[in-house]
All heavy atoms as atom14 arrays in JSON, in Angstrom:
{
  "sequence": "YYPYSLKLRILGKEGHLSNDACGRMLRRLVHHRLRYILLGH",
  "atom14_mask": [
    [1, 1, 1, 1, 1, 1, 1, 1, 1, 1, 1, 1, 0, 0],
    [1, 1, 1, 1, 1, 1, 1, 1, 1, 1, 1, 1, 0, 0],
    [1, 1, 1, 1, 1, 1, 1, 0, 0, 0, 0, 0, 0, 0],
    [1, 1, 1, 1, 1, 1, 1, 1, 1, 1, 1, 1, 0, 0],
    [1, 1, 1, 1, 1, 1, 0, 0, 0, 0, 0, 0, 0, 0],
    [1, 1, 1, 1, 1, 1, 1, 1, 0, 0, 0, 0, 0, 0],
    [1, 1, 1, 1, 1, 1, 1, 1, 1, 0, 0, 0, 0, 0],
    [1, 1, 1, 1, 1, 1, 1, 1, 0, 0, 0, 0, 0, 0],
    [1, 1, 1, 1, 1, 1, 1, 1, 1, 1, 1, 0, 0, 0],
    [1, 1, 1, 1, 1, 1, 1, 1, 0, 0, 0, 0, 0, 0],
    [1, 1, 1, 1, 1, 1, 1, 1, 0, 0, 0, 0, 0, 0],
    [1, 1, 1, 1, 0, 0, 0, 0, 0, 0, 0, 0, 0, 0],
    [1, 1, 1, 1, 1, 1, 1, 1, 1, 0, 0, 0, 0, 0],
    [1, 1, 1, 1, 1, 1, 1, 1, 1, 0, 0, 0, 0, 0],
    [1, 1, 1, 1, 0, 0, 0, 0, 0, 0, 0, 0, 0, 0],
    [1, 1, 1, 1, 1, 1, 1, 1, 1, 1, 0, 0, 0, 0],
    [1, 1, 1, 1, 1, 1, 1, 1, 0, 0, 0, 0, 0, 0],
    [1, 1, 1, 1, 1, 1, 0, 0, 0, 0, 0, 0, 0, 0],
    [1, 1, 1, 1, 1, 1, 1, 1, 0, 0, 0, 0, 0, 0],
    [1, 1, 1, 1, 1, 1, 1, 1, 0, 0, 0, 0, 0, 0],
    [1, 1, 1, 1, 1, 0, 0, 0, 0, 0, 0, 0, 0, 0],
    [1, 1, 1, 1, 1, 1, 0, 0, 0, 0, 0, 0, 0, 0],
    [1, 1, 1, 1, 0, 0, 0, 0, 0, 0, 0, 0, 0, 0],
    [1, 1, 1, 1, 1, 1, 1, 1, 1, 1, 1, 0, 0, 0],
    [1, 1, 1, 1, 1, 1, 1, 1, 0, 0, 0, 0, 0, 0],
    [1, 1, 1, 1, 1, 1, 1, 1, 0, 0, 0, 0, 0, 0],
    [1, 1, 1, 1, 1, 1, 1, 1, 1, 1, 1, 0, 0, 0],
    [1, 1, 1, 1, 1, 1, 1, 1, 1, 1, 1, 0, 0, 0],
    [1, 1, 1, 1, 1, 1, 1, 1, 0, 0, 0, 0, 0, 0],
    [1, 1, 1, 1, 1, 1, 1, 0, 0, 0, 0, 0, 0, 0],
    [1, 1, 1, 1, 1, 1, 1, 1, 1, 1, 0, 0, 0, 0],
    [1, 1, 1, 1, 1, 1, 1, 1, 1, 1, 0, 0, 0, 0],
    [1, 1, 1, 1, 1, 1, 1, 1, 1, 1, 1, 0, 0, 0],
    [1, 1, 1, 1, 1, 1, 1, 1, 0, 0, 0, 0, 0, 0],
    [1, 1, 1, 1, 1, 1, 1, 1, 1, 1, 1, 0, 0, 0],
    [1, 1, 1, 1, 1, 1, 1, 1, 1, 1, 1, 1, 0, 0],
    [1, 1, 1, 1, 1, 1, 1, 1, 0, 0, 0, 0, 0, 0],
    [1, 1, 1, 1, 1, 1, 1, 1, 0, 0, 0, 0, 0, 0],
    [1, 1, 1, 1, 1, 1, 1, 1, 0, 0, 0, 0, 0, 0],
    [1, 1, 1, 1, 0, 0, 0, 0, 0, 0, 0, 0, 0, 0],
    [1, 1, 1, 1, 1, 1, 1, 1, 1, 1, 0, 0, 0, 0]
  ],
  "atom14_positions": [
    [[84.79, 118.09, 89.53], [85.39, 119.1, 88.67], [85.98, 120.28, 89.42], [86.55, 121.19, 88.8], [84.34, 119.61, 87.68], [83.22, 120.39, 88.32], [83.31, 121.76, 88.51], [82.06, 119.75, 88.76], [82.29, 122.48, 89.1], [81.03, 120.45, 89.35], [81.14, 121.82, 89.51], [80.13, 122.52, 90.11], [0.0, 0.0, 0.0], [0.0, 0.0, 0.0]],
    [[85.85, 120.33, 90.75], [86.37, 121.47, 91.5], [87.88, 121.62, 91.28], [88.6, 120.6, 91.18], [86.11, 121.3, 93.0], [84.71, 121.62, 93.45], [83.67, 121.82, 92.55], [84.42, 121.73, 94.81], [82.38, 122.11, 92.98], [83.14, 122.03, 95.25], [82.13, 122.21, 94.32], [80.86, 122.5, 94.76], [0.0, 0.0, 0.0], [0.0, 0.0, 0.0]],
    [[88.38, 122.85, 91.26], [89.84, 123.04, 91.21], [90.51, 122.39, 92.41], [89.91, 122.28, 93.5], [90.0, 124.57, 91.24], [88.67, 125.11, 90.83], [87.64, 124.12, 91.27], [0.0, 0.0, 0.0], [0.0, 0.0, 0.0], [0.0, 0.0, 0.0], [0.0, 0.0, 0.0], [0.0, 0.0, 0.0], [0.0, 0.0, 0.0], [0.0, 0.0, 0.0]],
    [[91.74, 121.98, 92.21], [92.47, 121.28, 93.27], [92.54, 122.11, 94.55], [92.38, 121.59, 95.66], [93.87, 120.94, 92.78], [94.7, 120.15, 93.78], [94.33, 118.87, 94.16], [95.86, 120.7, 94.34], [95.08, 118.14, 95.07], [96.62, 119.97, 95.25], [96.23, 118.7, 95.61], [96.98, 117.99, 96.51], [0.0, 0.0, 0.0], [0.0, 0.0, 0.0]],
    [[92.73, 123.43, 94.41], [92.83, 124.3, 95.59], [91.53, 124.31, 96.39], [91.55, 124.34, 97.62], [93.18, 125.73, 95.17], [92.2, 126.25, 94.28], [0.0, 0.0, 0.0], [0.0, 0.0, 0.0], [0.0, 0.0, 0.0], [0.0, 0.0, 0.0], [0.0, 0.0, 0.0], [0.0, 0.0, 0.0], [0.0, 0.0, 0.0], [0.0, 0.0, 0.0]],
    [[90.39, 124.27, 95.69], [89.1, 124.25, 96.38], [88.87, 122.91, 97.06], [88.33, 122.85, 98.18], [87.98, 124.56, 95.4], [86.55, 124.59, 95.96], [86.45, 125.55, 97.14], [85.55, 124.96, 94.87], [0.0, 0.0, 0.0], [0.0, 0.0, 0.0], [0.0, 0.0, 0.0], [0.0, 0.0, 0.0], [0.0, 0.0, 0.0], [0.0, 0.0, 0.0]],
    [[89.29, 121.84, 96.41], [89.18, 120.52, 97.04], [89.97, 120.48, 98.34], [89.49, 119.96, 99.36], [89.66, 119.44, 96.09], [88.78, 119.23, 94.87], [89.36, 118.14, 93.96], [88.5, 117.95, 92.72], [89.03, 116.9, 91.83], [0.0, 0.0, 0.0], [0.0, 0.0, 0.0], [0.0, 0.0, 0.0], [0.0, 0.0, 0.0], [0.0, 0.0, 0.0]],
    [[91.18, 121.03, 98.31], [92.0, 121.06, 99.52], [91.34, 121.9, 100.61], [91.4, 121.53, 101.79], [93.39, 121.62, 99.19], [94.33, 120.73, 98.38], [95.66, 121.43, 98.16], [94.54, 119.39, 99.07], [0.0, 0.0, 0.0], [0.0, 0.0, 0.0], [0.0, 0.0, 0.0], [0.0, 0.0, 0.0], [0.0, 0.0, 0.0], [0.0, 0.0, 0.0]],
    [[90.73, 123.01, 100.23], [90.06, 123.85, 101.22], [88.92, 123.08, 101.9], [88.8, 123.09, 103.13], [89.49, 125.09, 100.55], [88.6, 125.92, 101.47], [87.79, 126.97, 100.71], [86.81, 127.57, 101.6], [85.54, 127.18, 101.7], [85.1, 126.19, 100.96], [84.73, 127.78, 102.55], [0.0, 0.0, 0.0], [0.0, 0.0, 0.0], [0.0, 0.0, 0.0]],
    [[88.09, 122.42, 101.12], [86.94, 121.7, 101.67], [87.39, 120.55, 102.56], [86.8, 120.31, 103.62], [86.04, 121.19, 100.53], [85.42, 122.39, 99.79], [84.95, 120.27, 101.06], [84.71, 122.01, 98.51], [0.0, 0.0, 0.0], [0.0, 0.0, 0.0], [0.0, 0.0, 0.0], [0.0, 0.0, 0.0], [0.0, 0.0, 0.0], [0.0, 0.0, 0.0]],
    [[88.44, 119.86, 102.15], [88.93, 118.71, 102.9], [89.79, 119.09, 104.09], [90.07, 118.26, 104.95], [89.74, 117.79, 101.98], [88.95, 117.06, 100.88], [89.91, 116.45, 99.87], [88.05, 115.99, 101.49], [0.0, 0.0, 0.0], [0.0, 0.0, 0.0], [0.0, 0.0, 0.0], [0.0, 0.0, 0.0], [0.0, 0.0, 0.0], [0.0, 0.0, 0.0]],
    [[90.21, 120.35, 104.16], [91.15, 120.77, 105.2], [90.5, 121.01, 106.55], [89.27, 120.91, 106.72], [0.0, 0.0, 0.0], [0.0, 0.0, 0.0], [0.0, 0.0, 0.0], [0.0, 0.0, 0.0], [0.0, 0.0, 0.0], [0.0, 0.0, 0.0], [0.0, 0.0, 0.0], [0.0, 0.0, 0.0], [0.0, 0.0, 0.0], [0.0, 0.0, 0.0]],
    [[91.32, 121.36, 107.51], [90.86, 121.55, 108.89], [89.99, 122.79, 109.06], [89.35, 122.96, 110.11], [92.05, 121.62, 109.84], [92.77, 120.28, 110.0], [93.85, 120.36, 111.06], [94.49, 118.98, 111.28], [95.53, 119.02, 112.33], [0.0, 0.0, 0.0], [0.0, 0.0, 0.0], [0.0, 0.0, 0.0], [0.0, 0.0, 0.0], [0.0, 0.0, 0.0]],
    [[89.95, 123.67, 108.06], [89.08, 124.84, 108.11], [88.01, 124.76, 107.02], [87.48, 125.78, 106.58], [89.89, 126.12, 107.96], [90.82, 126.39, 109.15], [91.48, 127.73, 109.09], [91.57, 128.31, 107.98], [91.88, 128.24, 110.15], [0.0, 0.0, 0.0], [0.0, 0.0, 0.0], [0.0, 0.0, 0.0], [0.0, 0.0, 0.0], [0.0, 0.0, 0.0]],
    [[87.68, 123.53, 106.62], [86.71, 123.33, 105.56], [85.37, 122.84, 106.06], [84.7, 123.53, 106.83], [0.0, 0.0, 0.0], [0.0, 0.0, 0.0], [0.0, 0.0, 0.0], [0.0, 0.0, 0.0], [0.0, 0.0, 0.0], [0.0, 0.0, 0.0], [0.0, 0.0, 0.0], [0.0, 0.0, 0.0], [0.0, 0.0, 0.0], [0.0, 0.0, 0.0]],
    [[84.99, 121.62, 105.65], [83.67, 121.08, 105.95], [83.76, 119.61, 106.35], [84.66, 118.89, 105.9], [82.76, 121.21, 104.73], [82.44, 122.62, 104.36], [81.45, 123.34, 104.96], [83.01, 123.45, 103.44], [81.39, 124.55, 104.43], [82.34, 124.64, 103.5], [0.0, 0.0, 0.0], [0.0, 0.0, 0.0], [0.0, 0.0, 0.0], [0.0, 0.0, 0.0]],
    [[82.8, 119.16, 107.14], [82.74, 117.76, 107.54], [82.17, 116.9, 106.41], [81.14, 117.23, 105.82], [81.86, 117.58, 108.78], [82.38, 118.04, 110.13], [81.39, 117.64, 111.22], [83.75, 117.48, 110.43], [0.0, 0.0, 0.0], [0.0, 0.0, 0.0], [0.0, 0.0, 0.0], [0.0, 0.0, 0.0], [0.0, 0.0, 0.0], [0.0, 0.0, 0.0]],
    [[82.84, 115.79, 106.14], [82.34, 114.82, 105.17], [81.24, 113.96, 105.8], [81.02, 113.98, 107.02], [83.48, 113.91, 104.71], [83.91, 113.08, 105.79], [0.0, 0.0, 0.0], [0.0, 0.0, 0.0], [0.0, 0.0, 0.0], [0.0, 0.0, 0.0], [0.0, 0.0, 0.0], [0.0, 0.0, 0.0], [0.0, 0.0, 0.0], [0.0, 0.0, 0.0]],
    [[80.57, 113.19, 104.96], [79.58, 112.23, 105.47], [80.22, 111.29, 106.48], [79.64, 110.99, 107.54], [79.0, 111.41, 104.32], [78.21, 112.24, 103.33], [77.75, 113.33, 103.65], [78.05, 111.71, 102.13], [0.0, 0.0, 0.0], [0.0, 0.0, 0.0], [0.0, 0.0, 0.0], [0.0, 0.0, 0.0], [0.0, 0.0, 0.0], [0.0, 0.0, 0.0]],
    [[81.41, 110.79, 106.16], [82.09, 109.83, 107.04], [82.44, 110.46, 108.38], [82.26, 109.85, 109.44], [83.35, 109.3, 106.36], [83.04, 108.59, 105.06], [82.77, 107.39, 105.08], [83.06, 109.27, 104.01], [0.0, 0.0, 0.0], [0.0, 0.0, 0.0], [0.0, 0.0, 0.0], [0.0, 0.0, 0.0], [0.0, 0.0, 0.0], [0.0, 0.0, 0.0]],
    [[82.97, 111.69, 108.33], [83.35, 112.37, 109.56], [82.12, 112.66, 110.41], [82.15, 112.54, 111.65], [84.1, 113.67, 109.24], [0.0, 0.0, 0.0], [0.0, 0.0, 0.0], [0.0, 0.0, 0.0], [0.0, 0.0, 0.0], [0.0, 0.0, 0.0], [0.0, 0.0, 0.0], [0.0, 0.0, 0.0], [0.0, 0.0, 0.0], [0.0, 0.0, 0.0]],
    [[81.04, 113.05, 109.77], [79.78, 113.28, 110.49], [79.33, 112.0, 111.18], [78.94, 112.02, 112.36], [78.72, 113.75, 109.5], [77.07, 113.95, 110.21], [0.0, 0.0, 0.0], [0.0, 0.0, 0.0], [0.0, 0.0, 0.0], [0.0, 0.0, 0.0], [0.0, 0.0, 0.0], [0.0, 0.0, 0.0], [0.0, 0.0, 0.0], [0.0, 0.0, 0.0]],
    [[79.39, 110.88, 110.46], [79.0, 109.6, 111.05], [79.85, 109.22, 112.24], [79.35, 108.74, 113.26], [0.0, 0.0, 0.0], [0.0, 0.0, 0.0], [0.0, 0.0, 0.0], [0.0, 0.0, 0.0], [0.0, 0.0, 0.0], [0.0, 0.0, 0.0], [0.0, 0.0, 0.0], [0.0, 0.0, 0.0], [0.0, 0.0, 0.0], [0.0, 0.0, 0.0]],
    [[81.16, 109.44, 112.12], [82.06, 109.11, 113.24], [81.77, 109.98, 114.46], [81.82, 109.5, 115.6], [83.51, 109.27, 112.8], [83.97, 108.21, 111.8], [85.47, 108.23, 111.63], [85.96, 109.49, 111.1], [86.12, 109.75, 109.8], [85.79, 108.84, 108.89], [86.59, 110.91, 109.39], [0.0, 0.0, 0.0], [0.0, 0.0, 0.0], [0.0, 0.0, 0.0]],
    [[81.47, 111.24, 114.2], [81.13, 112.14, 115.3], [79.86, 111.69, 116.01], [79.77, 111.65, 117.24], [80.97, 113.56, 114.77], [80.79, 114.62, 115.83], [80.74, 116.25, 115.06], [80.66, 117.29, 116.52], [0.0, 0.0, 0.0], [0.0, 0.0, 0.0], [0.0, 0.0, 0.0], [0.0, 0.0, 0.0], [0.0, 0.0, 0.0], [0.0, 0.0, 0.0]],
    [[78.86, 111.31, 115.21], [77.59, 110.87, 115.79], [77.73, 109.56, 116.54], [77.0, 109.32, 117.51], [76.54, 110.76, 114.69], [76.03, 112.1, 114.16], [75.2, 111.89, 112.9], [75.2, 112.82, 115.22], [0.0, 0.0, 0.0], [0.0, 0.0, 0.0], [0.0, 0.0, 0.0], [0.0, 0.0, 0.0], [0.0, 0.0, 0.0], [0.0, 0.0, 0.0]],
    [[78.64, 108.69, 116.11], [78.86, 107.43, 116.84], [79.2, 107.69, 118.29], [78.84, 106.91, 119.17], [79.97, 106.62, 116.17], [79.57, 105.96, 114.88], [80.7, 105.19, 114.24], [81.07, 104.02, 115.03], [81.81, 103.01, 114.56], [82.24, 103.04, 113.3], [82.11, 101.98, 115.33], [0.0, 0.0, 0.0], [0.0, 0.0, 0.0], [0.0, 0.0, 0.0]],
    [[79.89, 108.77, 118.54], [80.25, 109.12, 119.91], [79.09, 109.81, 120.62], [78.83, 109.54, 121.8], [81.48, 110.03, 119.9], [81.98, 110.44, 121.26], [83.32, 111.13, 121.14], [83.72, 111.77, 122.38], [84.83, 112.49, 122.51], [85.65, 112.64, 121.48], [85.14, 113.06, 123.67], [0.0, 0.0, 0.0], [0.0, 0.0, 0.0], [0.0, 0.0, 0.0]],
    [[78.36, 110.67, 119.91], [77.3, 111.44, 120.54], [76.09, 110.6, 120.94], [75.4, 110.93, 121.91], [76.85, 112.57, 119.6], [77.8, 113.75, 119.45], [77.29, 114.7, 118.37], [77.98, 114.49, 120.76], [0.0, 0.0, 0.0], [0.0, 0.0, 0.0], [0.0, 0.0, 0.0], [0.0, 0.0, 0.0], [0.0, 0.0, 0.0], [0.0, 0.0, 0.0]],
    [[75.8, 109.53, 120.2], [74.58, 108.78, 120.48], [74.62, 108.04, 121.8], [73.58, 107.54, 122.26], [74.25, 107.78, 119.35], [73.87, 108.52, 118.08], [75.39, 106.81, 119.11], [0.0, 0.0, 0.0], [0.0, 0.0, 0.0], [0.0, 0.0, 0.0], [0.0, 0.0, 0.0], [0.0, 0.0, 0.0], [0.0, 0.0, 0.0], [0.0, 0.0, 0.0]],
    [[75.75, 107.96, 122.44], [75.82, 107.31, 123.74], [75.38, 108.24, 124.86], [75.36, 107.86, 126.03], [77.22, 106.78, 124.01], [77.58, 105.61, 123.15], [77.14, 104.33, 123.41], [78.3, 105.53, 122.01], [77.59, 103.5, 122.49], [78.3, 104.2, 121.62], [0.0, 0.0, 0.0], [0.0, 0.0, 0.0], [0.0, 0.0, 0.0], [0.0, 0.0, 0.0]],
    [[75.01, 109.46, 124.5], [74.54, 110.43, 125.49], [73.03, 110.63, 125.3], [72.3, 109.67, 125.04], [75.35, 111.72, 125.37], [76.81, 111.5, 125.63], [77.38, 111.58, 126.88], [77.83, 111.18, 124.78], [78.68, 111.32, 126.81], [78.97, 111.07, 125.55], [0.0, 0.0, 0.0], [0.0, 0.0, 0.0], [0.0, 0.0, 0.0], [0.0, 0.0, 0.0]],
    [[72.54, 111.85, 125.35], [71.1, 112.1, 125.28], [70.56, 112.15, 123.86], [69.34, 112.12, 123.66], [70.78, 113.43, 125.98], [70.89, 113.39, 127.47], [70.68, 114.76, 128.1], [69.49, 115.44, 127.62], [69.04, 116.57, 128.15], [69.7, 117.13, 129.14], [67.96, 117.15, 127.66], [0.0, 0.0, 0.0], [0.0, 0.0, 0.0], [0.0, 0.0, 0.0]],
    [[71.43, 112.25, 122.89], [71.01, 112.56, 121.53], [70.04, 111.52, 120.97], [70.34, 110.32, 120.95], [72.24, 112.65, 120.62], [71.97, 113.07, 119.18], [71.39, 114.48, 119.13], [73.26, 113.0, 118.37], [0.0, 0.0, 0.0], [0.0, 0.0, 0.0], [0.0, 0.0, 0.0], [0.0, 0.0, 0.0], [0.0, 0.0, 0.0], [0.0, 0.0, 0.0]],
    [[68.89, 112.01, 120.46], [67.92, 111.11, 119.85], [67.34, 111.65, 118.54], [66.65, 110.91, 117.83], [66.76, 110.85, 120.84], [67.17, 109.95, 122.02], [67.59, 108.57, 121.54], [68.06, 107.71, 122.61], [69.34, 107.59, 122.98], [70.27, 108.3, 122.34], [69.69, 106.8, 123.95], [0.0, 0.0, 0.0], [0.0, 0.0, 0.0], [0.0, 0.0, 0.0]],
    [[67.62, 112.9, 118.21], [67.07, 113.49, 116.99], [68.21, 114.11, 116.19], [68.93, 114.98, 116.68], [66.04, 114.58, 117.33], [64.89, 114.09, 118.17], [64.97, 114.11, 119.57], [63.72, 113.61, 117.58], [63.92, 113.66, 120.35], [62.67, 113.16, 118.37], [62.77, 113.2, 119.75], [61.73, 112.76, 120.51], [0.0, 0.0, 0.0], [0.0, 0.0, 0.0]],
    [[68.37, 113.64, 114.94], [69.48, 114.08, 114.1], [68.97, 114.52, 112.73], [68.23, 113.79, 112.06], [70.52, 112.96, 113.89], [71.09, 112.49, 115.23], [71.64, 113.42, 112.96], [71.84, 111.17, 115.11], [0.0, 0.0, 0.0], [0.0, 0.0, 0.0], [0.0, 0.0, 0.0], [0.0, 0.0, 0.0], [0.0, 0.0, 0.0], [0.0, 0.0, 0.0]],
    [[69.36, 115.72, 112.32], [69.18, 116.17, 110.95], [70.56, 116.39, 110.34], [71.39, 117.09, 110.92], [68.4, 117.49, 110.9], [66.89, 117.46, 110.77], [66.35, 118.88, 110.65], [66.43, 116.62, 109.58], [0.0, 0.0, 0.0], [0.0, 0.0, 0.0], [0.0, 0.0, 0.0], [0.0, 0.0, 0.0], [0.0, 0.0, 0.0], [0.0, 0.0, 0.0]],
    [[70.81, 115.79, 109.2], [72.05, 116.03, 108.48], [71.86, 117.26, 107.61], [70.86, 117.39, 106.9], [72.4, 114.82, 107.61], [72.44, 113.48, 108.33], [72.79, 112.36, 107.36], [73.43, 113.51, 109.5], [0.0, 0.0, 0.0], [0.0, 0.0, 0.0], [0.0, 0.0, 0.0], [0.0, 0.0, 0.0], [0.0, 0.0, 0.0], [0.0, 0.0, 0.0]],
    [[72.81, 118.2, 107.68], [72.62, 119.47, 107.0], [73.83, 119.95, 106.24], [74.88, 119.32, 106.23], [0.0, 0.0, 0.0], [0.0, 0.0, 0.0], [0.0, 0.0, 0.0], [0.0, 0.0, 0.0], [0.0, 0.0, 0.0], [0.0, 0.0, 0.0], [0.0, 0.0, 0.0], [0.0, 0.0, 0.0], [0.0, 0.0, 0.0], [0.0, 0.0, 0.0]],
    [[73.64, 121.09, 105.58], [74.68, 121.75, 104.79], [75.27, 120.83, 103.73], [76.48, 120.81, 103.51], [75.77, 122.32, 105.71], [76.45, 123.53, 105.13], [77.38, 123.44, 104.12], [76.34, 124.84, 105.42], [77.81, 124.64, 103.82], [77.19, 125.53, 104.59], [0.0, 0.0, 0.0], [0.0, 0.0, 0.0], [0.0, 0.0, 0.0], [0.0, 0.0, 0.0]]
  ]
}
């Protein structure tokens, strides 16, 4: 139900990470030292 302008803000480059984007980011990070993950916000 969010207004279209708010949807664009959240989805934009100055908004927030989606579940999918978070997952893609973690796919890269887990090849390093990372072993403990909390999903937040």
